[in-house]
Protein backbone atom coordinates (compact mmCIF):
# COMPACT_ATOMS: atom_id res chain seq x y z
CA MET A 1 116.53 84.96 77.20
CA ASN A 2 116.01 83.36 80.71
CA GLN A 3 118.90 84.76 82.56
CA GLU A 4 118.63 82.73 85.51
CA LEU A 5 118.60 79.57 83.12
CA GLU A 6 121.84 80.86 81.65
CA ASN A 7 123.49 81.65 85.07
CA HIS A 8 122.78 78.14 86.13
CA ILE A 9 124.22 76.54 82.93
CA LEU A 10 127.31 78.36 83.47
CA ILE A 11 127.64 77.40 87.01
CA GLY A 12 126.77 73.76 85.91
CA LEU A 13 129.64 73.88 83.38
CA PHE A 14 131.84 75.60 85.84
CA LYS A 15 131.22 73.04 88.67
CA ALA A 16 131.84 70.10 86.04
CA THR A 17 135.04 71.73 84.99
CA ILE A 18 136.33 71.90 88.60
CA GLU A 19 135.12 68.08 88.88
CA GLN A 20 136.83 67.24 85.56
CA SER A 21 140.14 68.89 86.72
CA THR A 22 140.58 66.78 89.58
CA MET A 23 141.05 63.81 87.15
CA LEU A 24 144.26 65.84 85.77
CA LYS A 25 145.52 67.47 89.09
CA ASN A 26 148.51 65.15 89.28
CA GLN A 27 149.39 65.48 85.77
CA PHE A 28 151.22 68.68 86.42
CA SER A 29 154.13 69.76 88.33
CA HIS A 30 155.41 72.63 90.09
CA LYS A 31 154.21 75.99 88.95
CA PRO A 32 151.52 74.57 86.84
CA LYS A 33 150.20 72.48 89.52
CA GLN A 34 150.16 75.48 91.98
CA VAL A 35 148.05 77.35 89.58
CA PHE A 36 145.78 74.60 88.65
CA ASN A 37 145.16 74.12 92.67
CA SER A 38 144.67 77.72 93.09
CA TRP A 39 142.03 77.91 90.31
CA GLN A 40 140.23 74.80 91.89
CA ASN A 41 140.32 76.29 95.27
CA GLN A 42 138.84 79.61 94.00
CA GLY A 43 136.17 77.99 91.86
CA ASN A 44 134.96 75.72 95.00
CA THR A 45 134.92 79.09 97.00
CA LEU A 46 132.89 80.70 94.53
CA LEU A 47 130.36 77.81 94.25
CA ASN A 48 130.17 77.62 98.01
CA GLU A 49 129.47 81.48 98.32
CA LEU A 50 126.65 81.45 95.60
CA GLU A 51 125.19 78.33 97.42
CA LYS A 52 125.48 80.14 100.75
CA ARG A 53 123.72 83.35 99.45
CA ASN A 54 120.93 81.23 97.77
CA GLU A 55 121.88 82.66 94.32
CA ILE A 56 121.84 79.19 92.81
CA ASN A 57 119.75 75.98 93.39
CA GLU A 58 122.29 73.44 94.20
CA ASP A 59 119.94 70.66 93.30
CA TYR A 60 119.40 72.02 89.81
CA ILE A 61 123.15 72.68 89.38
CA ASN A 62 124.05 69.22 90.41
CA SER A 63 121.52 67.92 87.66
CA ILE A 64 123.13 70.00 84.90
CA THR A 65 126.53 68.99 86.01
CA ASP A 66 125.40 65.29 85.74
CA ILE A 67 124.27 66.00 82.30
CA ILE A 68 127.64 67.59 81.37
CA HIS A 69 129.38 64.63 82.88
CA ASN A 70 127.22 62.12 80.93
CA ILE A 71 128.42 64.05 77.71
CA MET A 72 132.02 63.74 78.85
CA ASP A 73 131.54 59.86 79.33
CA GLY A 74 129.94 59.81 75.77
CA ILE A 75 133.11 61.60 74.41
CA ARG A 76 135.23 59.09 76.25
CA LYS A 77 133.33 56.00 74.88
CA ASP A 78 133.51 57.42 71.26
CA ASN A 79 137.20 58.05 71.60
CA ALA A 80 137.66 54.43 72.66
CA LYS A 81 136.24 53.00 69.49
């Protein structure tokens, strides 16, 4: 197993999840919204820290995230049929 690849896939999934969650942020109210916002902020803090420490390759993470977003777009298109 290539540990670096697995780490990048996990971080790419995490970043895509944070980005996807922004689409839902206003769907919640009160306490759930506070928890949601806190989770997003913590996720962004983690990503920024990993990038600052050069523990992840930002361009590679972005390419993985783009692939994940394309998969989600495919899911939306299939659901619209």
